C-alpha cells in the first residue's frame, strides 16, 4: 500500500509489540524485517529489504514479534538518546509531567525519509501527563 499513514506513540513493551504487529501488517500479511539502519533524524528504521545503501542485514528475516525486544533494547542505547525529537515527542516543559516512551511512524507514501523500503521508523519520545 503506497498511501500508508502511521504514527503511534506509547510507553509499554506490550504496546510496542502490538504497534509493530500493526505496522508490519500494513506492508502485507507475511512482512518480515530483513535489515535496519539508524539515523539521528529518523531513529531506528526497519526495512523489508536488505538492499538499501548503509543498512545492516539481520542474520535471518525477523517478524514484528521478533523485532520488538531488539527495538526495546535499541531505545535504551546511547544512539537513541541522540535522535532528534519532533515537536510532539520532546521533553517539553508544561503543566504536568513527562515519562520515557517511543514513537513508531512512517512518512509520506509509507516511506521514511528517502528509504522507500522502510516498514517504519522508531524514535524515543516523551509521554506527556497532565495533572
N, C-alpha and C. Protein backbone atom coordinates (compact mmCIF):
# COMPACT_ATOMS: atom_id res chain seq x y z
N UNK A 1 0.85 -1.16 0.00
CA UNK A 1 0.00 0.00 0.00
C UNK A 1 0.90 1.23 0.00
N UNK A 2 0.68 2.14 -0.91
CA UNK A 2 1.55 3.31 -1.06
C UNK A 2 1.11 4.52 -0.25
N UNK A 3 -0.12 4.57 0.19
CA UNK A 3 -0.58 5.78 0.89
C UNK A 3 -0.75 5.55 2.38
N UNK A 4 0.10 4.71 2.96
CA UNK A 4 0.01 4.42 4.39
C UNK A 4 0.24 5.68 5.21
N UNK A 5 -0.49 5.78 6.29
CA UNK A 5 -0.29 6.81 7.30
C UNK A 5 -0.16 6.07 8.62
N UNK A 6 0.93 6.32 9.35
CA UNK A 6 1.12 5.62 10.60
C UNK A 6 1.91 6.51 11.55
N UNK A 7 1.39 6.68 12.76
CA UNK A 7 2.08 7.47 13.77
C UNK A 7 1.48 7.13 15.13
N UNK A 8 2.20 6.34 15.92
CA UNK A 8 1.71 5.89 17.22
C UNK A 8 2.81 6.14 18.24
N UNK A 9 2.44 6.67 19.40
CA UNK A 9 3.41 6.73 20.49
C UNK A 9 2.85 6.01 21.69
N UNK A 10 3.75 5.55 22.54
CA UNK A 10 3.35 4.80 23.72
C UNK A 10 4.54 4.56 24.62
N UNK A 11 4.34 3.74 25.65
CA UNK A 11 5.44 3.56 26.59
C UNK A 11 5.68 2.12 27.05
N UNK A 12 4.74 1.23 26.87
CA UNK A 12 4.96 -0.14 27.37
C UNK A 12 5.53 -1.04 26.28
N UNK A 13 6.22 -2.08 26.71
CA UNK A 13 6.75 -3.06 25.75
C UNK A 13 5.62 -3.84 25.08
N UNK A 14 4.55 -4.11 25.82
CA UNK A 14 3.40 -4.81 25.25
C UNK A 14 2.77 -3.97 24.13
N UNK A 15 2.61 -2.66 24.36
CA UNK A 15 2.05 -1.79 23.33
C UNK A 15 3.00 -1.66 22.14
N UNK A 16 4.31 -1.65 22.40
CA UNK A 16 5.30 -1.59 21.32
C UNK A 16 5.14 -2.81 20.42
N UNK A 17 5.02 -3.99 21.01
CA UNK A 17 4.86 -5.21 20.21
C UNK A 17 3.58 -5.15 19.37
N UNK A 18 2.49 -4.73 19.96
CA UNK A 18 1.23 -4.64 19.22
C UNK A 18 1.30 -3.59 18.12
N UNK A 19 2.01 -2.49 18.37
CA UNK A 19 2.17 -1.45 17.37
C UNK A 19 3.01 -1.96 16.20
N UNK A 20 4.08 -2.68 16.50
CA UNK A 20 4.90 -3.26 15.43
C UNK A 20 4.09 -4.29 14.64
N UNK A 21 3.28 -5.09 15.30
CA UNK A 21 2.39 -6.04 14.60
C UNK A 21 1.53 -5.29 13.58
N UNK A 22 0.96 -4.19 14.01
CA UNK A 22 0.06 -3.42 13.14
C UNK A 22 0.81 -2.79 11.97
N UNK A 23 1.94 -2.16 12.22
CA UNK A 23 2.66 -1.51 11.14
C UNK A 23 3.24 -2.53 10.15
N UNK A 24 3.68 -3.69 10.63
CA UNK A 24 4.15 -4.75 9.73
C UNK A 24 2.99 -5.23 8.85
N UNK A 25 1.79 -5.34 9.42
CA UNK A 25 0.62 -5.82 8.67
C UNK A 25 0.27 -4.86 7.54
N UNK A 26 0.58 -3.60 7.68
CA UNK A 26 0.29 -2.65 6.61
C UNK A 26 1.12 -2.91 5.36
N UNK A 27 2.24 -3.59 5.51
CA UNK A 27 3.09 -3.93 4.37
C UNK A 27 2.65 -5.23 3.70
N UNK A 28 1.81 -5.99 4.35
CA UNK A 28 1.35 -7.26 3.80
C UNK A 28 1.35 -8.34 4.87
N UNK A 29 0.62 -9.41 4.61
CA UNK A 29 0.44 -10.47 5.61
C UNK A 29 1.72 -11.14 6.05
N UNK A 30 2.69 -11.28 5.19
CA UNK A 30 3.90 -12.02 5.52
C UNK A 30 5.14 -11.13 5.59
N UNK A 31 4.97 -9.89 5.96
CA UNK A 31 6.09 -8.96 6.01
C UNK A 31 7.08 -9.37 7.08
N UNK A 32 8.34 -9.35 6.72
CA UNK A 32 9.41 -9.55 7.67
C UNK A 32 10.43 -8.42 7.51
N UNK A 33 11.16 -8.19 8.56
CA UNK A 33 12.21 -7.18 8.56
C UNK A 33 13.51 -7.88 8.20
N UNK A 34 14.16 -7.42 7.15
CA UNK A 34 15.39 -8.05 6.71
C UNK A 34 16.63 -7.26 7.09
N UNK A 35 16.45 -5.97 7.42
CA UNK A 35 17.61 -5.13 7.75
C UNK A 35 17.15 -3.91 8.54
N UNK A 36 18.13 -3.16 9.02
CA UNK A 36 17.85 -1.94 9.76
C UNK A 36 18.94 -0.92 9.49
N UNK A 37 18.62 0.32 9.78
CA UNK A 37 19.63 1.37 9.81
C UNK A 37 19.16 2.42 10.80
N UNK A 38 20.07 3.23 11.31
CA UNK A 38 19.72 4.25 12.28
C UNK A 38 20.27 5.59 11.82
N UNK A 39 19.44 6.63 11.95
CA UNK A 39 19.86 7.99 11.64
C UNK A 39 19.42 8.91 12.77
N UNK A 40 20.13 9.99 12.96
CA UNK A 40 19.76 10.95 14.02
C UNK A 40 18.44 11.64 13.69
N UNK A 41 18.12 11.73 12.41
CA UNK A 41 16.87 12.38 12.01
C UNK A 41 15.65 11.49 12.20
N UNK A 42 15.77 10.20 11.86
CA UNK A 42 14.61 9.31 11.85
C UNK A 42 14.62 8.24 12.93
N UNK A 43 15.73 8.00 13.59
CA UNK A 43 15.81 6.95 14.59
C UNK A 43 16.13 5.60 13.96
N UNK A 44 15.59 4.54 14.51
CA UNK A 44 15.80 3.19 14.01
C UNK A 44 14.81 2.92 12.89
N UNK A 45 15.33 2.59 11.70
CA UNK A 45 14.48 2.33 10.53
C UNK A 45 14.51 0.83 10.26
N UNK A 46 13.34 0.21 10.27
CA UNK A 46 13.22 -1.22 9.96
C UNK A 46 12.87 -1.35 8.48
N UNK A 47 13.56 -2.25 7.78
CA UNK A 47 13.44 -2.37 6.32
C UNK A 47 12.97 -3.76 5.91
N UNK A 48 12.11 -3.80 4.89
CA UNK A 48 11.64 -5.09 4.38
C UNK A 48 12.59 -5.67 3.33
N UNK A 49 13.67 -4.95 3.04
CA UNK A 49 14.68 -5.41 2.08
C UNK A 49 16.06 -5.21 2.71
N UNK A 50 17.02 -6.00 2.28
CA UNK A 50 18.38 -5.81 2.77
C UNK A 50 19.28 -5.16 1.73
N UNK A 51 18.67 -4.49 0.73
CA UNK A 51 19.47 -3.87 -0.33
C UNK A 51 19.72 -2.37 -0.17
N UNK A 52 19.01 -1.62 0.69
CA UNK A 52 19.30 -0.19 0.78
C UNK A 52 20.73 0.09 1.24
N UNK A 53 21.30 1.15 0.67
CA UNK A 53 22.66 1.56 1.00
C UNK A 53 22.76 1.89 2.49
N UNK A 54 23.80 1.37 3.12
CA UNK A 54 24.07 1.69 4.51
C UNK A 54 23.28 0.90 5.53
N UNK A 55 22.50 -0.07 5.09
CA UNK A 55 21.71 -0.85 6.04
C UNK A 55 22.55 -2.01 6.60
N UNK A 56 22.09 -2.53 7.74
CA UNK A 56 22.72 -3.70 8.35
C UNK A 56 21.72 -4.85 8.29
N UNK A 57 22.03 -5.89 7.52
CA UNK A 57 21.09 -7.02 7.43
C UNK A 57 21.01 -7.80 8.73
N UNK A 58 19.83 -8.34 9.03
CA UNK A 58 19.68 -9.30 10.12
C UNK A 58 20.17 -10.65 9.61
N UNK A 59 20.58 -11.56 10.50
CA UNK A 59 21.03 -12.88 10.06
C UNK A 59 19.93 -13.68 9.38
N UNK A 60 18.67 -13.40 9.73
CA UNK A 60 17.51 -14.05 9.13
C UNK A 60 16.36 -13.05 9.18
N UNK A 61 15.36 -13.19 8.30
CA UNK A 61 14.21 -12.30 8.35
C UNK A 61 13.53 -12.37 9.72
N UNK A 62 13.11 -11.21 10.22
CA UNK A 62 12.53 -11.10 11.55
C UNK A 62 11.07 -10.66 11.47
N UNK A 63 10.23 -11.30 12.27
CA UNK A 63 8.83 -10.91 12.37
C UNK A 63 8.71 -9.69 13.29
N UNK A 64 7.54 -9.11 13.36
CA UNK A 64 7.30 -7.99 14.28
C UNK A 64 7.56 -8.42 15.72
N UNK A 65 7.11 -9.60 16.08
CA UNK A 65 7.30 -10.10 17.45
C UNK A 65 8.78 -10.27 17.75
N UNK A 66 9.55 -10.73 16.78
CA UNK A 66 10.99 -10.92 16.99
C UNK A 66 11.73 -9.58 17.04
N UNK A 67 11.22 -8.57 16.34
CA UNK A 67 11.86 -7.25 16.33
C UNK A 67 11.59 -6.47 17.61
N UNK A 68 10.48 -6.72 18.27
CA UNK A 68 10.08 -5.91 19.43
C UNK A 68 11.15 -5.84 20.52
N UNK A 69 11.76 -6.95 20.96
CA UNK A 69 12.78 -6.83 22.00
C UNK A 69 14.05 -6.11 21.52
N UNK A 70 14.36 -6.25 20.23
CA UNK A 70 15.52 -5.55 19.67
C UNK A 70 15.27 -4.05 19.68
N UNK A 71 14.06 -3.65 19.26
CA UNK A 71 13.69 -2.24 19.27
C UNK A 71 13.71 -1.70 20.69
N UNK A 72 13.18 -2.45 21.62
CA UNK A 72 13.15 -2.04 23.02
C UNK A 72 14.56 -1.80 23.55
N UNK A 73 15.49 -2.70 23.25
CA UNK A 73 16.88 -2.53 23.67
C UNK A 73 17.52 -1.34 22.99
N UNK A 74 17.25 -1.17 21.68
CA UNK A 74 17.82 -0.03 20.95
C UNK A 74 17.38 1.28 21.59
N UNK A 75 16.13 1.37 22.00
CA UNK A 75 15.62 2.60 22.62
C UNK A 75 16.36 2.95 23.92
N UNK A 76 16.97 1.97 24.56
CA UNK A 76 17.71 2.20 25.80
C UNK A 76 19.17 2.57 25.55
N UNK A 77 19.62 2.48 24.30
CA UNK A 77 21.02 2.69 23.96
C UNK A 77 21.40 4.15 23.77
N UNK A 78 22.70 4.38 23.65
CA UNK A 78 23.23 5.73 23.51
C UNK A 78 22.81 6.42 22.22
N UNK A 79 22.79 5.68 21.10
CA UNK A 79 22.42 6.32 19.83
C UNK A 79 20.99 6.86 19.90
N UNK A 80 20.09 6.12 20.50
CA UNK A 80 18.70 6.55 20.60
C UNK A 80 18.59 7.88 21.34
N UNK A 81 19.47 8.09 22.32
CA UNK A 81 19.44 9.34 23.08
C UNK A 81 19.86 10.54 22.25
N UNK A 82 20.52 10.31 21.11
CA UNK A 82 20.99 11.40 20.26
C UNK A 82 20.05 11.71 19.10
N UNK A 83 18.93 10.98 18.99
CA UNK A 83 18.00 11.17 17.88
C UNK A 83 17.21 12.46 18.08
N UNK A 84 17.04 13.20 16.98
CA UNK A 84 16.26 14.44 17.02
C UNK A 84 14.80 14.09 17.27
N UNK A 85 14.18 14.78 18.20
CA UNK A 85 12.77 14.53 18.52
C UNK A 85 11.90 15.60 17.89
N UNK A 86 10.73 15.20 17.45
CA UNK A 86 9.79 16.15 16.85
C UNK A 86 9.07 16.94 17.94
N UNK A 87 8.31 17.92 17.53
CA UNK A 87 7.60 18.80 18.47
C UNK A 87 6.72 18.04 19.44
N UNK A 88 6.12 16.97 19.01
CA UNK A 88 5.18 16.25 19.87
C UNK A 88 5.83 15.14 20.67
N UNK A 89 7.15 15.01 20.60
CA UNK A 89 7.85 13.96 21.35
C UNK A 89 8.93 14.51 22.27
N UNK A 90 9.11 15.82 22.28
CA UNK A 90 10.17 16.44 23.07
C UNK A 90 9.86 16.39 24.57
N UNK A 91 10.90 16.64 25.34
CA UNK A 91 10.77 16.73 26.79
C UNK A 91 10.32 18.16 27.11
N UNK A 92 9.06 18.44 26.85
CA UNK A 92 8.52 19.80 26.95
C UNK A 92 8.24 20.18 28.40
N UNK A 93 8.41 21.45 28.69
CA UNK A 93 8.01 21.99 29.98
C UNK A 93 6.54 22.36 29.87
N UNK A 94 5.71 21.76 30.69
CA UNK A 94 4.27 22.01 30.63
C UNK A 94 3.67 21.77 32.01
N UNK A 95 2.41 21.99 32.11
CA UNK A 95 1.70 21.86 33.38
C UNK A 95 1.37 20.38 33.62
N UNK A 96 2.37 19.60 33.93
CA UNK A 96 2.22 18.16 34.13
C UNK A 96 3.59 17.53 34.27
N UNK A 97 3.71 16.29 33.83
CA UNK A 97 4.99 15.58 33.91
C UNK A 97 5.23 14.79 32.63
N UNK A 98 6.45 14.31 32.47
CA UNK A 98 6.83 13.55 31.28
C UNK A 98 7.44 12.22 31.71
N UNK A 99 7.29 11.21 30.87
CA UNK A 99 7.95 9.92 31.10
C UNK A 99 8.50 9.41 29.78
N UNK A 100 9.44 8.48 29.85
CA UNK A 100 10.06 7.90 28.65
C UNK A 100 9.05 7.06 27.88
N UNK A 101 9.13 7.14 26.56
CA UNK A 101 8.29 6.34 25.69
C UNK A 101 8.93 6.21 24.33
N UNK A 102 8.12 5.98 23.31
CA UNK A 102 8.61 5.76 21.95
C UNK A 102 7.55 6.23 20.95
N UNK A 103 7.98 6.41 19.72
CA UNK A 103 7.11 6.75 18.59
C UNK A 103 7.44 5.80 17.45
N UNK A 104 6.43 5.15 16.88
CA UNK A 104 6.58 4.31 15.69
C UNK A 104 5.82 5.02 14.59
N UNK A 105 6.48 5.25 13.44
CA UNK A 105 5.85 6.06 12.40
C UNK A 105 6.39 5.73 11.02
N UNK A 106 5.68 6.21 10.02
CA UNK A 106 6.19 6.29 8.66
C UNK A 106 5.78 7.66 8.14
N UNK A 107 6.37 8.05 7.03
CA UNK A 107 6.11 9.38 6.47
C UNK A 107 5.33 9.24 5.16
N UNK A 108 5.36 10.28 4.35
CA UNK A 108 4.61 10.29 3.10
C UNK A 108 4.87 9.04 2.27
N UNK A 109 3.81 8.52 1.68
CA UNK A 109 3.84 7.33 0.83
C UNK A 109 4.28 6.08 1.58
N UNK A 110 4.24 6.10 2.90
CA UNK A 110 4.66 4.95 3.68
C UNK A 110 6.16 4.81 3.78
N UNK A 111 6.91 5.83 3.34
CA UNK A 111 8.36 5.78 3.39
C UNK A 111 8.86 6.41 4.68
N UNK A 112 10.15 6.32 4.90
CA UNK A 112 10.82 7.04 5.99
C UNK A 112 11.99 7.77 5.34
N UNK A 113 11.89 9.09 5.27
CA UNK A 113 12.91 9.86 4.56
C UNK A 113 13.01 9.37 3.13
N UNK A 114 14.22 9.05 2.70
CA UNK A 114 14.45 8.53 1.34
C UNK A 114 14.38 7.02 1.26
N UNK A 115 14.07 6.38 2.37
CA UNK A 115 14.00 4.91 2.40
C UNK A 115 12.63 4.44 1.92
N UNK A 116 12.56 4.03 0.68
CA UNK A 116 11.31 3.54 0.10
C UNK A 116 11.02 2.10 0.51
N UNK A 117 11.98 1.43 1.10
CA UNK A 117 11.81 0.03 1.52
C UNK A 117 11.65 -0.08 3.03
N UNK A 118 11.25 1.02 3.65
CA UNK A 118 11.08 1.03 5.11
C UNK A 118 9.73 0.46 5.50
N UNK A 119 9.72 -0.31 6.56
CA UNK A 119 8.47 -0.72 7.20
C UNK A 119 8.01 0.42 8.10
N UNK A 120 8.96 0.94 8.90
CA UNK A 120 8.66 2.04 9.81
C UNK A 120 9.96 2.55 10.40
N UNK A 121 9.85 3.61 11.17
CA UNK A 121 10.95 4.10 11.98
C UNK A 121 10.48 4.19 13.42
N UNK A 122 11.43 4.12 14.34
CA UNK A 122 11.12 4.21 15.76
C UNK A 122 12.06 5.23 16.38
N UNK A 123 11.48 6.12 17.18
CA UNK A 123 12.25 7.12 17.91
C UNK A 123 11.88 7.05 19.39
N UNK A 124 12.80 7.49 20.25
CA UNK A 124 12.38 7.70 21.62
C UNK A 124 11.40 8.87 21.64
N UNK A 125 10.54 8.92 22.61
CA UNK A 125 9.59 10.02 22.74
C UNK A 125 9.26 10.21 24.20
N UNK A 126 8.90 11.42 24.55
CA UNK A 126 8.42 11.66 25.91
C UNK A 126 6.91 11.65 25.91
N UNK A 127 6.34 10.93 26.83
CA UNK A 127 4.90 10.90 27.01
C UNK A 127 4.54 12.02 27.99
N UNK A 128 3.58 12.83 27.62
CA UNK A 128 3.17 13.96 28.45
C UNK A 128 1.98 13.55 29.30
N UNK A 129 2.04 13.86 30.57
CA UNK A 129 0.96 13.53 31.50
C UNK A 129 0.47 14.81 32.16
N UNK A 130 -0.84 15.05 32.10
CA UNK A 130 -1.42 16.22 32.76
C UNK A 130 -1.52 15.99 34.24
N UNK A 131 -1.93 17.04 34.94
CA UNK A 131 -2.05 16.92 36.39
C UNK A 131 -3.26 16.08 36.78
